[in-house]
Amino acid sequence: MTRQIDRRDFLKAGASLAGGGAGFSAKPLDQVRVGFIGVGERGSAIVQQFLRVKGCRLVAICDLRPERAARMQRAAEKAGQPTPEAYDRGENDYLRLCDRNDLDLVGVATPWNLHARMCVAALRAGKHAATETPPAQTVEECWQMVEMAEKSGKHCMLMENYCYFREVMCVLNMIRQGVFGEPMHIYTGYQKEAMYYSFNADGTLTFAGEGGINRMGSFYPAHFVGPSAHWLDINRGDYFDYLVSMGNFARSYNRYAKETFGPSNRYANMKFDMSDINNTLIRTKNGRTIHVIKDTISPRPYRHYYTLQATNGIYEHTEKRLHIQGRSPGEWTVQGKRQVARQWEPIAKYYPEYEHPLWRDLGNLATSSGHGGGDYMMAYRLIEALRTGVYPDVDVYDTVAWSSIVELSEI
């Protein structure tokens, strides 16, 4: 039975998220033994990065397709590790993997609707869990993840690589050092035409395409809410309070199906009760705001967008530029009167002084990985947290706070 969700329940959830971290402790591990569920295109890319991190051993691989599991077995062997055991006996074989007594962490990169249940199964079996985005589809699933993580005392983490972009982490360092003043507002969004995520080559829908049908809300928020939440100290002094969300009409699936697969394709004329573009506005308890836009199927050039407006400056990710009050050019005095014509500066100019320590120390290793180095940095930080016993950058409370937007925006 689905738990009834109302504003009071959401605010209670927000209050509990504000105190994240209580009750979790992990003893340092000399070696992190990993089992991974789902090694398609994205899952295999993550496993490849784990294999590069010192102290990480791949023990088991689970996938419905034996050839995929075999490919990752070969990758582990190439990395100088023993051959991991394959689990490929059907949809529930991941449960056998979770029950192994020689695993510390279970990674999940399966279709969206399976992420939460697989994380819960791993936690129930006494393993740490780490999942691809989106972690959950409903607020009920969010509660299940939190409650099982607290009950087991194990971490449930989101593998959010966008939090580890070089520019994003430099801005985070500058915020923490007071350069931008107090953050006020972030405009952010997933803006690119990514129909290849939605349609297979034969004209059918992928699991991502199916996941967008009959959805008006923001159903893939974490890539942009995650870095924004870190900049705003969400769950670390501030927390999400409430949101409003609007979606427009549906045209893009029809257009794409007709142009690519012909007018007889089933999706060329199907009526979709979904939004091509969604706008969600979030207000935090401390009065900050986030505008999240989801625009991934309309015809448009690529733009991954973060704009931070703070009391002492602004950062724009698309152009990788910023302006800092009192430091950037564009202010002068004429006959005692202040003149202002503010100018942008490249964020690269600030790297020598404000490069995040992780990128200063590991940048050469990270840049060879996907997503601008975010993939390696994410894998490194996750494994390193378990090896050292340090609290993870993205914990279960972050995971569900960012994921709760999926259903709450729909409501």
Protein backbone atom coordinates (compact mmCIF):
# COMPACT_ATOMS: atom_id res chain seq x y z
CA MET A 1 0.00 0.00 0.00
CA THR A 2 1.44 3.39 -1.00
CA ARG A 3 1.87 5.86 1.82
CA GLN A 4 -0.36 8.91 1.40
CA ILE A 5 1.76 11.97 0.64
CA ASP A 6 0.70 15.44 1.67
CA ARG A 7 2.47 18.70 2.48
CA ARG A 8 2.79 17.82 6.17
CA ASP A 9 4.51 14.51 5.35
CA PHE A 10 6.88 16.25 2.96
CA LEU A 11 7.86 18.85 5.55
CA LYS A 12 8.45 16.12 8.14
CA ALA A 13 10.69 14.36 5.64
CA GLY A 14 12.59 17.58 5.05
CA ALA A 15 13.08 18.10 8.77
CA SER A 16 14.54 14.63 9.18
CA LEU A 17 16.84 15.09 6.19
CA ALA A 18 18.36 18.22 7.73
CA GLY A 19 20.16 16.15 10.34
CA GLY A 20 21.73 13.63 7.95
CA GLY A 21 24.49 11.37 9.18
CA ALA A 22 23.26 10.25 12.58
CA GLY A 23 23.66 6.54 13.27
CA PHE A 24 25.98 5.73 10.37
CA SER A 25 29.53 4.60 10.86
CA ALA A 26 31.69 2.40 8.70
CA LYS A 27 34.92 0.78 9.77
CA PRO A 28 37.77 1.44 7.34
CA LEU A 29 38.31 -1.33 4.80
CA ASP A 30 41.71 -2.31 3.44
CA GLN A 31 39.95 -3.48 0.32
CA VAL A 32 36.43 -2.69 -0.90
CA ARG A 33 34.89 -5.82 -2.42
CA VAL A 34 32.30 -4.83 -5.00
CA GLY A 35 29.42 -6.66 -6.63
CA PHE A 36 27.79 -4.82 -9.53
CA ILE A 37 24.26 -5.25 -10.93
CA GLY A 38 23.66 -4.12 -14.50
CA VAL A 39 26.64 -3.71 -16.81
CA GLY A 40 25.16 -2.31 -19.98
CA GLU A 41 26.62 0.84 -21.49
CA ARG A 42 26.49 2.95 -18.31
CA GLY A 43 27.12 0.18 -15.79
CA SER A 44 30.18 -1.09 -17.61
CA ALA A 45 31.59 2.44 -17.78
CA ILE A 46 31.27 2.79 -14.00
CA VAL A 47 32.85 -0.62 -13.37
CA GLN A 48 35.80 0.38 -15.57
CA GLN A 49 36.39 3.40 -13.31
CA PHE A 50 36.09 1.32 -10.12
CA LEU A 51 38.78 -0.98 -11.51
CA ARG A 52 41.13 2.01 -11.72
CA VAL A 53 40.73 2.92 -8.02
CA LYS A 54 43.30 1.55 -5.60
CA GLY A 55 41.84 -0.82 -3.03
CA CYS A 56 38.76 -1.77 -5.05
CA ARG A 57 38.23 -5.39 -6.07
CA LEU A 58 35.42 -6.54 -8.36
CA VAL A 59 34.07 -9.77 -6.86
CA ALA A 60 30.78 -10.37 -8.69
CA ILE A 61 28.88 -9.18 -11.78
CA CYS A 62 25.16 -9.55 -12.45
CA ASP A 63 23.40 -8.96 -15.76
CA LEU A 64 20.56 -10.54 -17.70
CA ARG A 65 22.86 -10.88 -20.70
CA PRO A 66 25.72 -13.34 -20.11
CA GLU A 67 27.89 -11.65 -22.74
CA ARG A 68 27.84 -8.41 -20.75
CA ALA A 69 28.89 -10.13 -17.55
CA ALA A 70 31.62 -11.94 -19.48
CA ARG A 71 32.88 -8.62 -20.85
CA MET A 72 33.32 -7.24 -17.33
CA GLN A 73 35.01 -10.46 -16.22
CA ARG A 74 37.59 -9.86 -18.93
CA ALA A 75 37.94 -6.23 -17.85
CA ALA A 76 38.70 -7.30 -14.27
CA GLU A 77 41.26 -9.82 -15.51
CA LYS A 78 42.88 -7.14 -17.67
CA ALA A 79 43.13 -4.95 -14.54
CA GLY A 80 45.07 -7.74 -12.82
CA GLN A 81 42.22 -8.97 -10.62
CA PRO A 82 40.81 -12.49 -10.16
CA THR A 83 37.86 -13.31 -12.37
CA PRO A 84 34.65 -12.08 -10.72
CA GLU A 85 31.75 -14.52 -10.49
CA ALA A 86 28.92 -13.99 -12.96
CA TYR A 87 25.23 -13.96 -12.00
CA ASP A 88 23.07 -14.25 -15.12
CA ARG A 89 20.31 -16.71 -14.28
CA GLY A 90 17.39 -14.31 -14.59
CA GLU A 91 15.73 -11.22 -13.18
CA ASN A 92 16.13 -12.17 -9.51
CA ASP A 93 19.68 -13.50 -9.62
CA TYR A 94 20.87 -10.22 -8.09
CA LEU A 95 19.51 -11.52 -4.78
CA ARG A 96 22.09 -14.32 -4.83
CA LEU A 97 24.78 -11.72 -5.42
CA CYS A 98 23.58 -9.59 -2.49
CA ASP A 99 23.67 -12.64 -0.19
CA ARG A 100 27.38 -13.29 -0.72
CA ASN A 101 29.41 -13.00 2.48
CA ASP A 102 32.46 -11.55 0.75
CA LEU A 103 30.91 -8.27 -0.48
CA ASP A 104 31.16 -4.80 1.03
CA LEU A 105 29.41 -2.75 -1.65
CA VAL A 106 26.72 -3.43 -4.24
CA GLY A 107 26.55 -1.09 -7.23
CA VAL A 108 23.36 -0.71 -9.26
CA ALA A 109 23.04 0.52 -12.86
CA THR A 110 19.88 -1.20 -14.08
CA PRO A 111 16.67 0.34 -15.52
CA TRP A 112 15.26 3.12 -13.35
CA ASN A 113 12.33 1.22 -11.87
CA LEU A 114 14.71 -1.34 -10.31
CA HIS A 115 17.18 0.97 -8.54
CA ALA A 116 15.35 1.35 -5.24
CA ARG A 117 14.38 -2.29 -4.75
CA MET A 118 17.92 -3.48 -5.53
CA CYS A 119 19.46 -0.97 -3.13
CA VAL A 120 17.03 -2.07 -0.41
CA ALA A 121 17.92 -5.72 -1.08
CA ALA A 122 21.64 -4.94 -0.76
CA LEU A 123 21.11 -2.98 2.47
CA ARG A 124 18.94 -5.75 3.90
CA ALA A 125 21.77 -8.19 3.19
CA GLY A 126 24.16 -6.00 5.18
CA LYS A 127 25.97 -4.39 2.23
CA HIS A 128 26.58 -0.75 1.38
CA ALA A 129 24.68 0.29 -1.76
CA ALA A 130 25.45 2.75 -4.54
CA THR A 131 23.06 3.47 -7.38
CA GLU A 132 22.94 5.24 -10.70
CA THR A 133 20.40 8.03 -11.09
CA PRO A 134 17.45 8.31 -10.59
CA PRO A 135 17.59 6.37 -7.30
CA ALA A 136 13.83 6.17 -6.76
CA GLN A 137 10.61 6.79 -8.63
CA THR A 138 8.33 7.48 -5.66
CA VAL A 139 8.49 9.02 -2.22
CA GLU A 140 7.51 5.62 -0.83
CA GLU A 141 10.68 4.15 -2.35
CA CYS A 142 12.66 7.00 -0.82
CA TRP A 143 11.32 6.07 2.61
CA GLN A 144 12.17 2.41 2.02
CA MET A 145 15.77 3.32 1.21
CA VAL A 146 16.14 5.59 4.26
CA GLU A 147 14.53 3.15 6.66
CA MET A 148 16.57 0.16 5.48
CA ALA A 149 19.81 2.19 5.50
CA GLU A 150 19.14 3.32 9.07
CA LYS A 151 18.13 -0.17 10.15
CA SER A 152 21.23 -1.78 8.63
CA GLY A 153 23.64 1.04 9.49
CA LYS A 154 24.98 0.84 5.93
CA HIS A 155 25.44 3.67 3.47
CA CYS A 156 23.10 4.06 0.49
CA MET A 157 24.80 6.42 -1.94
CA LEU A 158 24.01 8.00 -5.28
CA MET A 159 26.71 7.74 -7.94
CA GLU A 160 26.26 11.34 -9.06
CA ASN A 161 29.20 12.17 -11.30
CA TYR A 162 28.05 15.72 -12.08
CA CYS A 163 28.96 16.75 -8.53
CA TYR A 164 32.59 16.14 -9.44
CA PHE A 165 33.05 18.28 -12.55
CA ARG A 166 36.18 20.37 -12.23
CA GLU A 167 34.33 23.68 -12.52
CA VAL A 168 31.55 22.59 -10.14
CA MET A 169 34.07 21.63 -7.46
CA CYS A 170 36.07 24.83 -7.94
CA VAL A 171 32.90 26.87 -7.43
CA LEU A 172 32.11 24.78 -4.34
CA ASN A 173 35.56 25.57 -2.95
CA MET A 174 35.11 29.27 -3.70
CA ILE A 175 31.70 29.28 -1.98
CA ARG A 176 33.16 27.64 1.11
CA GLN A 177 35.93 30.23 1.20
CA GLY A 178 33.42 33.07 0.99
CA VAL A 179 34.42 34.36 -2.44
CA PHE A 180 30.86 34.43 -3.80
CA GLY A 181 29.29 35.64 -0.58
CA GLU A 182 25.99 33.93 0.23
CA PRO A 183 24.36 31.82 -2.52
CA MET A 184 20.85 33.03 -3.34
CA HIS A 185 19.55 31.35 -6.50
CA ILE A 186 20.54 28.65 -8.97
CA TYR A 187 19.09 28.22 -12.44
CA THR A 188 19.99 24.79 -13.70
CA GLY A 189 18.86 22.14 -16.11
CA TYR A 190 19.31 19.19 -18.38
CA GLN A 191 18.99 20.78 -21.82
CA LYS A 192 19.88 18.68 -24.84
CA GLU A 193 18.12 16.60 -27.48
CA ALA A 194 18.76 13.06 -26.25
CA MET A 195 16.26 10.97 -28.17
CA TYR A 196 18.88 8.23 -28.46
CA TYR A 197 18.17 7.61 -24.76
CA SER A 198 14.46 7.22 -25.47
CA PHE A 199 14.28 5.19 -28.71
CA ASN A 200 15.90 1.93 -29.76
CA ALA A 201 17.16 1.49 -33.33
CA ASP A 202 14.05 -0.56 -34.18
CA GLY A 203 11.66 2.24 -33.25
CA THR A 204 10.64 0.88 -29.85
CA LEU A 205 11.13 2.80 -26.63
CA THR A 206 14.04 2.17 -24.29
CA PHE A 207 13.48 1.89 -20.53
CA ALA A 208 14.31 5.61 -20.35
CA GLY A 209 11.74 6.35 -23.05
CA GLU A 210 9.14 4.29 -21.22
CA GLY A 211 10.07 6.13 -18.03
CA GLY A 212 9.08 9.45 -19.58
CA ILE A 213 5.65 8.42 -20.84
CA ASN A 214 2.70 9.96 -18.98
CA ARG A 215 5.03 12.04 -16.83
CA MET A 216 4.52 15.78 -16.46
CA GLY A 217 7.10 16.28 -13.71
CA SER A 218 10.88 16.47 -13.48
CA PHE A 219 11.69 12.76 -13.70
CA TYR A 220 15.50 12.98 -14.04
CA PRO A 221 16.58 15.76 -11.66
CA ALA A 222 19.70 14.61 -9.80
CA HIS A 223 22.38 15.60 -12.34
CA PHE A 224 21.56 19.25 -11.77
CA VAL A 225 19.94 19.30 -8.37
CA GLY A 226 22.91 17.42 -6.88
CA PRO A 227 25.65 19.98 -7.53
CA SER A 228 23.19 22.76 -6.71
CA ALA A 229 22.38 21.11 -3.38
CA HIS A 230 26.06 20.94 -2.51
CA TRP A 231 26.50 24.62 -3.35
CA LEU A 232 23.52 25.49 -1.12
CA ASP A 233 24.47 23.21 1.81
CA ILE A 234 21.25 21.19 1.49
CA ASN A 235 21.02 18.73 4.41
CA ARG A 236 24.03 20.48 5.94
CA GLY A 237 22.41 23.58 7.40
CA ASP A 238 19.60 24.14 4.90
CA TYR A 239 17.03 21.81 3.31
CA PHE A 240 14.35 21.72 0.65
CA ASP A 241 11.10 23.20 1.93
CA TYR A 242 8.58 23.14 -0.93
CA LEU A 243 8.31 23.16 -4.71
CA VAL A 244 5.99 24.07 -7.56
CA SER A 245 6.20 22.44 -10.97
CA MET A 246 4.76 22.98 -14.44
CA GLY A 247 4.94 20.90 -17.59
CA ASN A 248 3.82 21.84 -21.10
CA PHE A 249 2.35 19.70 -23.89
CA ALA A 250 3.82 16.67 -25.71
CA ARG A 251 4.96 16.86 -29.33
CA SER A 252 8.57 15.63 -29.55
CA TYR A 253 8.03 11.84 -29.39
CA ASN A 254 5.49 12.09 -32.24
CA ARG A 255 7.80 14.25 -34.36
CA TYR A 256 10.88 12.12 -33.79
CA ALA A 257 9.10 8.81 -34.39
CA LYS A 258 7.54 10.07 -37.63
CA GLU A 259 10.77 11.59 -38.97
CA THR A 260 13.03 8.70 -37.96
CA PHE A 261 10.88 5.57 -38.29
CA GLY A 262 8.06 6.69 -40.57
CA PRO A 263 4.37 7.58 -40.11
CA SER A 264 3.39 3.95 -39.43
CA ASN A 265 5.48 3.77 -36.25
CA ARG A 266 3.17 3.32 -33.26
CA TYR A 267 4.56 6.41 -31.54
CA ALA A 268 4.20 8.71 -34.55
CA ASN A 269 0.55 9.47 -33.76
CA MET A 270 0.09 8.20 -30.19
CA LYS A 271 -1.31 10.78 -27.78
CA PHE A 272 1.08 11.27 -24.86
CA ASP A 273 0.04 12.75 -21.53
CA MET A 274 3.50 14.06 -20.76
CA SER A 275 5.50 17.27 -20.92
CA ASP A 276 8.30 17.88 -23.39
CA ILE A 277 9.66 20.57 -21.06
CA ASN A 278 9.23 20.80 -17.30
CA ASN A 279 10.07 23.71 -15.00
CA THR A 280 10.31 23.09 -11.25
CA LEU A 281 10.93 25.79 -8.65
CA ILE A 282 12.27 24.77 -5.24
CA ARG A 283 12.51 27.00 -2.17
CA THR A 284 14.72 26.08 0.77
CA LYS A 285 14.08 26.63 4.44
CA ASN A 286 16.64 29.45 4.48
CA GLY A 287 14.95 31.23 1.59
CA ARG A 288 17.20 30.19 -1.30
CA THR A 289 15.69 29.09 -4.60
CA ILE A 290 16.48 26.64 -7.40
CA HIS A 291 14.90 26.64 -10.86
CA VAL A 292 15.28 23.20 -12.44
CA ILE A 293 14.46 22.76 -16.12
CA LYS A 294 14.11 19.38 -17.83
CA ASP A 295 14.35 19.72 -21.62
CA THR A 296 15.85 16.59 -23.16
CA ILE A 297 13.63 15.66 -26.11
CA SER A 298 12.89 18.89 -28.00
CA PRO A 299 15.17 19.80 -30.96
CA ARG A 300 17.93 21.93 -29.50
CA PRO A 301 21.72 22.14 -29.15
CA TYR A 302 23.40 20.70 -26.08
CA ARG A 303 23.50 22.88 -22.97
CA HIS A 304 24.14 21.61 -19.45
CA TYR A 305 23.27 24.67 -17.47
CA TYR A 306 24.21 25.91 -14.01
CA THR A 307 23.99 29.57 -13.08
CA LEU A 308 24.78 30.49 -9.48
CA GLN A 309 23.70 33.95 -8.33
CA ALA A 310 25.17 34.93 -4.97
CA THR A 311 25.38 38.11 -2.94
CA ASN A 312 28.91 38.81 -4.16
CA GLY A 313 28.96 37.37 -7.65
CA ILE A 314 27.74 35.02 -10.34
CA TYR A 315 28.95 31.88 -12.11
CA GLU A 316 27.71 30.59 -15.50
CA HIS A 317 28.68 27.02 -16.33
CA THR A 318 27.79 27.06 -20.02
CA GLU A 319 30.48 29.65 -20.72
CA LYS A 320 32.59 28.62 -17.71
CA ARG A 321 32.74 32.24 -16.63
CA LEU A 322 32.16 34.28 -13.49
CA HIS A 323 32.10 37.76 -12.05
CA ILE A 324 33.17 38.55 -8.49
CA GLN A 325 32.15 41.83 -6.89
CA GLY A 326 35.21 43.94 -6.07
CA ARG A 327 37.58 41.60 -7.88
CA SER A 328 36.48 41.16 -11.48
CA PRO A 329 36.95 44.10 -13.87
CA GLY A 330 34.17 46.58 -14.50
CA GLU A 331 34.10 48.93 -11.50
CA TRP A 332 35.83 52.29 -11.19
CA THR A 333 35.43 55.77 -9.73
CA VAL A 334 35.14 59.02 -11.71
CA GLN A 335 35.14 62.29 -9.77
CA GLY A 336 34.14 60.43 -6.63
CA LYS A 337 31.22 58.62 -8.28
CA ARG A 338 31.18 54.82 -8.61
CA GLN A 339 30.83 53.58 -12.19
CA VAL A 340 29.84 49.98 -13.02
CA ALA A 341 30.09 48.05 -16.30
CA ARG A 342 30.73 44.55 -15.03
CA GLN A 343 32.79 42.12 -17.08
CA TRP A 344 33.08 38.33 -17.17
CA GLU A 345 36.22 36.37 -16.39
CA PRO A 346 37.00 32.71 -17.24
CA ILE A 347 36.84 30.48 -14.20
CA ALA A 348 40.16 28.99 -15.34
CA LYS A 349 41.79 32.22 -14.17
CA TYR A 350 40.86 31.23 -10.61
CA TYR A 351 42.20 27.66 -10.73
CA PRO A 352 45.67 28.52 -9.38
CA GLU A 353 44.11 29.93 -6.21
CA TYR A 354 40.84 28.02 -5.82
CA GLU A 355 41.25 24.67 -7.58
CA HIS A 356 39.49 22.07 -5.45
CA PRO A 357 42.11 19.92 -3.64
CA LEU A 358 40.73 16.74 -5.22
CA TRP A 359 41.26 18.09 -8.72
CA ARG A 360 44.64 19.53 -7.80
CA ASP A 361 45.79 16.11 -6.59
CA LEU A 362 43.93 13.74 -8.94
CA GLY A 363 43.12 15.81 -12.00
CA ASN A 364 45.57 13.97 -14.25
CA LEU A 365 43.89 10.64 -13.43
CA ALA A 366 40.36 12.03 -13.69
CA THR A 367 40.58 13.76 -17.05
CA SER A 368 40.96 10.47 -18.92
CA SER A 369 37.53 9.28 -17.69
CA GLY A 370 34.05 10.12 -18.95
CA HIS A 371 31.87 13.14 -18.19
CA GLY A 372 34.75 15.57 -17.94
CA GLY A 373 36.54 13.50 -15.34
CA GLY A 374 33.48 13.23 -13.11
CA ASP A 375 33.22 9.46 -13.53
CA TYR A 376 36.64 8.70 -12.08
CA MET A 377 36.37 11.29 -9.32
CA MET A 378 32.98 9.91 -8.28
CA ALA A 379 34.29 6.33 -8.19
CA TYR A 380 37.40 7.38 -6.29
CA ARG A 381 35.49 9.33 -3.63
CA LEU A 382 32.98 6.52 -3.10
CA ILE A 383 35.62 3.81 -2.70
CA GLU A 384 37.89 6.06 -0.65
CA ALA A 385 35.07 6.84 1.79
CA LEU A 386 34.66 3.11 2.51
CA ARG A 387 38.41 2.50 2.66
CA THR A 388 39.00 5.30 5.18
CA GLY A 389 35.69 5.25 7.07
CA VAL A 390 35.05 8.89 6.10
CA TYR A 391 31.42 9.90 5.70
CA PRO A 392 30.45 9.86 1.99
CA ASP A 393 29.94 13.02 -0.06
CA VAL A 394 26.45 11.88 -1.10
CA ASP A 395 24.62 9.95 1.61
CA VAL A 396 21.20 8.32 1.76
CA TYR A 397 19.55 11.59 2.81
CA ASP A 398 20.97 13.41 -0.20
CA THR A 399 20.02 10.48 -2.40
CA VAL A 400 16.36 10.59 -1.42
CA ALA A 401 16.05 14.38 -1.13
CA TRP A 402 17.18 14.79 -4.72
CA SER A 403 15.12 11.81 -5.87
CA SER A 404 11.91 12.87 -4.09
CA ILE A 405 11.58 15.64 -6.71
CA VAL A 406 10.54 12.97 -9.25
CA GLU A 407 7.16 12.25 -7.67
CA LEU A 408 6.66 15.53 -5.83
CA SER A 409 6.99 17.50 -9.07
CA GLU A 410 4.46 15.15 -10.66
CA ILE A 411 1.99 15.72 -7.81
